[in-house]
């Protein structure tokens, strides 16, 4: 412990954890092994899996984090939100019941309730000079390996097809498909290594 740790009832802290600054763990929180929690508040019943890093985050009740998740300053998880393995969240709201599950970067974003963000999705929030916001509505579904180029808004109930690069707003309940057309070339020969 490197600071102040306030712990509720029935809290479990596994081996090798580090707590820095002001940390609050409400009733029933479970912290897996080798986690780092700094200046953060974790709501009742939240589960943090192994090797997760939580820094200046606000986590509501019954959230699930990790393993190997990183919550950076300004991460705000609402009740029953999930941030899974190898995901990074920075200065963003993950709405109630929403899932950010695998290999994802979410920055400067607001996600509504019960949205699903597919594996490999990123919010492209930085153009090299300025940061921009992404808004994702309630019940939106973002297909795997999508890039959301901010500033952009995805409406409630909207679907983004897997592999899409989204540069324009998607209205409520629309399907957005933004990929190059596939071509299959017969008789193509792979170049051979020169000896």
Protein backbone atom coordinates (compact mmCIF):
# COMPACT_ATOMS: atom_id res chain seq x y z
CA UNK A 1 0.00 0.00 0.00
CA UNK A 2 1.28 3.42 -1.01
CA UNK A 3 -1.46 5.71 0.23
CA UNK A 4 -4.96 5.27 1.65
CA UNK A 5 -6.99 2.09 1.09
CA UNK A 6 -10.62 1.93 2.27
CA UNK A 7 -12.12 -1.55 2.10
CA UNK A 8 -15.74 -2.67 2.57
CA UNK A 9 -17.04 -6.06 3.72
CA UNK A 10 -16.24 -9.36 2.00
CA UNK A 11 -13.48 -7.89 -0.18
CA UNK A 12 -10.87 -10.29 -1.59
CA UNK A 13 -7.39 -9.08 -2.55
CA UNK A 14 -5.10 -11.66 -4.15
CA UNK A 15 -1.28 -11.73 -4.09
CA UNK A 16 1.08 -9.11 -5.45
CA UNK A 17 -1.36 -6.18 -5.70
CA UNK A 18 -0.27 -2.55 -5.38
CA UNK A 19 -2.56 0.26 -4.18
CA UNK A 20 -1.44 3.87 -4.66
CA UNK A 21 -3.01 7.18 -3.65
CA UNK A 22 -6.63 7.12 -2.48
CA UNK A 23 -8.39 3.84 -3.28
CA UNK A 24 -11.89 2.72 -2.24
CA UNK A 25 -13.05 -0.90 -2.64
CA UNK A 26 -16.73 -1.27 -1.79
CA UNK A 27 -18.39 -4.44 -0.43
CA UNK A 28 -17.73 -7.66 -2.30
CA UNK A 29 -14.99 -6.36 -4.60
CA UNK A 30 -12.57 -9.04 -5.78
CA UNK A 31 -9.08 -8.03 -6.92
CA UNK A 32 -7.12 -10.75 -8.74
CA UNK A 33 -3.37 -11.24 -8.52
CA UNK A 34 -0.79 -8.65 -9.54
CA UNK A 35 -3.16 -5.75 -10.14
CA UNK A 36 -2.26 -2.07 -9.69
CA UNK A 37 -5.01 0.31 -8.49
CA UNK A 38 -4.29 4.02 -8.16
CA UNK A 39 -6.61 6.85 -7.03
CA UNK A 40 -9.74 4.92 -7.99
CA UNK A 41 -13.16 3.96 -6.60
CA UNK A 42 -14.50 0.46 -7.31
CA UNK A 43 -18.18 -0.21 -6.71
CA UNK A 44 -19.73 -3.13 -4.86
CA UNK A 45 -19.41 -6.56 -6.43
CA UNK A 46 -16.86 -5.52 -9.05
CA UNK A 47 -14.45 -8.22 -10.21
CA UNK A 48 -10.93 -7.31 -11.36
CA UNK A 49 -9.00 -10.10 -13.05
CA UNK A 50 -5.23 -10.64 -12.93
CA UNK A 51 -2.65 -8.12 -14.13
CA UNK A 52 -5.11 -5.24 -14.62
CA UNK A 53 -4.08 -1.60 -14.11
CA UNK A 54 -6.62 0.94 -12.91
CA UNK A 55 -5.55 4.59 -12.66
CA UNK A 56 -7.87 7.47 -11.66
CA UNK A 57 -10.96 5.54 -12.71
CA UNK A 58 -14.51 5.45 -11.43
CA UNK A 59 -16.04 1.97 -11.49
CA UNK A 60 -19.67 1.41 -10.49
CA UNK A 61 -21.24 -1.76 -9.08
CA UNK A 62 -20.93 -5.26 -10.53
CA UNK A 63 -18.40 -4.43 -13.23
CA UNK A 64 -15.99 -6.97 -14.67
CA UNK A 65 -12.45 -5.88 -15.59
CA UNK A 66 -9.61 -7.82 -17.20
CA UNK A 67 -7.52 -9.84 -17.17
CA UNK A 68 -4.79 -7.54 -18.50
CA UNK A 69 -7.11 -4.52 -18.79
CA UNK A 70 -5.96 -0.92 -18.44
CA UNK A 71 -8.23 1.84 -17.20
CA UNK A 72 -6.52 5.19 -17.64
CA UNK A 73 -7.49 8.52 -16.06
CA UNK A 74 -11.08 9.49 -16.75
CA UNK A 75 -12.36 5.96 -17.31
CA UNK A 76 -15.94 5.82 -15.98
CA UNK A 77 -17.63 2.41 -15.93
CA UNK A 78 -21.33 2.33 -15.14
CA UNK A 79 -23.13 -0.57 -13.41
CA UNK A 80 -22.52 -4.02 -14.89
CA UNK A 81 -20.08 -2.74 -17.55
CA UNK A 82 -17.38 -5.07 -18.83
CA UNK A 83 -13.85 -4.23 -19.98
CA UNK A 84 -12.11 -7.44 -21.00
CA UNK A 85 -8.66 -8.73 -21.75
CA UNK A 86 -6.06 -6.47 -23.35
CA UNK A 87 -8.45 -3.49 -23.51
CA UNK A 88 -7.53 0.11 -22.78
CA UNK A 89 -10.03 2.81 -21.80
CA UNK A 90 -9.08 6.49 -21.47
CA UNK A 91 -11.32 9.45 -20.56
CA UNK A 92 -14.46 7.54 -21.58
CA UNK A 93 -17.83 6.44 -20.23
CA UNK A 94 -18.74 2.76 -20.64
CA UNK A 95 -22.50 2.66 -20.16
CA UNK A 96 -24.54 0.35 -17.99
CA UNK A 97 -24.37 -3.24 -19.21
CA UNK A 98 -22.06 -2.39 -22.13
CA UNK A 99 -19.23 -4.70 -23.16
CA UNK A 100 -15.75 -3.78 -24.35
CA UNK A 101 -14.35 -7.28 -24.44
CA UNK A 102 -11.17 -8.05 -26.38
CA UNK A 103 -8.15 -6.14 -27.75
CA UNK A 104 -9.87 -2.74 -27.85
CA UNK A 105 -8.85 0.91 -27.46
CA UNK A 106 -11.56 3.36 -26.33
CA UNK A 107 -10.47 6.99 -25.90
CA UNK A 108 -12.50 10.20 -25.50
CA UNK A 109 -15.71 8.25 -26.00
CA UNK A 110 -19.17 7.98 -24.50
CA UNK A 111 -20.86 4.59 -24.84
CA UNK A 112 -24.53 4.23 -23.92
CA UNK A 113 -26.31 1.31 -22.28
CA UNK A 114 -26.08 -2.33 -23.43
CA UNK A 115 -23.76 -1.66 -26.37
CA UNK A 116 -21.35 -4.31 -27.63
CA UNK A 117 -17.94 -3.30 -28.95
CA UNK A 118 -16.35 -6.09 -31.02
CA UNK A 119 -12.81 -7.40 -30.71
CA UNK A 120 -10.08 -5.26 -32.22
CA UNK A 121 -12.15 -2.07 -32.40
CA UNK A 122 -10.44 1.28 -31.89
CA UNK A 123 -11.67 4.82 -31.55
CA UNK A 124 -9.32 6.98 -33.60
CA UNK A 125 -9.46 10.03 -31.35
CA UNK A 126 -6.19 11.81 -32.18
CA UNK A 127 -5.15 13.39 -35.51
CA UNK A 128 -1.63 14.26 -34.38
CA UNK A 129 -2.66 17.67 -33.05
CA UNK A 130 -6.16 17.53 -31.52
CA UNK A 131 -8.32 15.00 -29.69
CA UNK A 132 -11.91 14.33 -30.84
CA UNK A 133 -14.93 12.57 -29.31
CA UNK A 134 -16.83 9.47 -30.34
CA UNK A 135 -20.42 8.89 -29.20
CA UNK A 136 -21.95 5.41 -29.31
CA UNK A 137 -25.65 5.08 -28.51
CA UNK A 138 -27.63 2.60 -26.44
CA UNK A 139 -27.80 -0.95 -27.82
CA UNK A 140 -25.32 -0.23 -30.62
CA UNK A 141 -23.31 -3.14 -32.02
CA UNK A 142 -19.81 -2.45 -33.32
CA UNK A 143 -18.42 -5.35 -35.36
CA UNK A 144 -14.93 -6.70 -34.81
CA UNK A 145 -11.88 -4.90 -36.15
CA UNK A 146 -13.68 -1.61 -36.79
CA UNK A 147 -12.08 1.84 -36.66
CA UNK A 148 -14.28 4.74 -35.57
CA UNK A 149 -12.62 7.94 -36.80
CA UNK A 150 -13.60 10.78 -34.48
CA UNK A 151 -15.45 13.04 -34.38
CA UNK A 152 -18.21 10.55 -35.12
CA UNK A 153 -21.54 9.43 -33.62
CA UNK A 154 -23.05 5.95 -33.81
CA UNK A 155 -26.77 6.05 -33.08
CA UNK A 156 -28.88 3.96 -30.73
CA UNK A 157 -29.47 0.46 -32.06
CA UNK A 158 -27.07 1.03 -34.96
CA UNK A 159 -24.79 -1.71 -36.28
CA UNK A 160 -21.31 -1.29 -37.72
CA UNK A 161 -20.21 -4.21 -39.91
CA UNK A 162 -16.98 -5.95 -38.97
CA UNK A 163 -13.85 -4.50 -40.54
CA UNK A 164 -15.39 -1.09 -41.24
CA UNK A 165 -13.65 2.28 -41.09
CA UNK A 166 -16.35 4.73 -40.03
CA UNK A 167 -15.78 8.40 -40.87
CA UNK A 168 -19.38 9.65 -40.98
CA UNK A 169 -22.19 9.56 -38.42
CA UNK A 170 -24.45 6.49 -38.36
CA UNK A 171 -28.10 7.20 -37.50
CA UNK A 172 -30.23 5.22 -35.05
CA UNK A 173 -30.91 1.65 -36.21
CA UNK A 174 -28.82 1.97 -39.38
CA UNK A 175 -26.29 -0.58 -40.64
CA UNK A 176 -22.96 0.94 -41.68
CA UNK A 177 -20.62 -1.03 -43.96
CA UNK A 178 -17.35 0.68 -44.89
CA UNK A 179 -14.82 -1.75 -46.33
CA UNK A 180 -12.92 -2.23 -49.55
CA UNK A 181 -14.55 -4.67 -51.97
CA UNK A 182 -12.96 -8.13 -51.94
CA UNK A 183 -11.40 -9.46 -55.15
CA UNK A 184 -10.26 -13.06 -55.60
CA UNK A 185 -7.59 -13.49 -58.30
CA UNK A 186 -7.26 -16.90 -59.97
CA UNK A 187 -3.84 -18.22 -60.94
CA UNK A 188 -1.91 -15.83 -58.72
CA UNK A 189 1.53 -17.04 -57.69
CA UNK A 190 3.15 -16.01 -54.45
CA UNK A 191 6.62 -14.49 -55.02
CA UNK A 192 9.45 -16.87 -54.18
CA UNK A 193 12.37 -16.04 -51.92
CA UNK A 194 15.50 -15.25 -53.93
CA UNK A 195 18.46 -17.47 -53.10
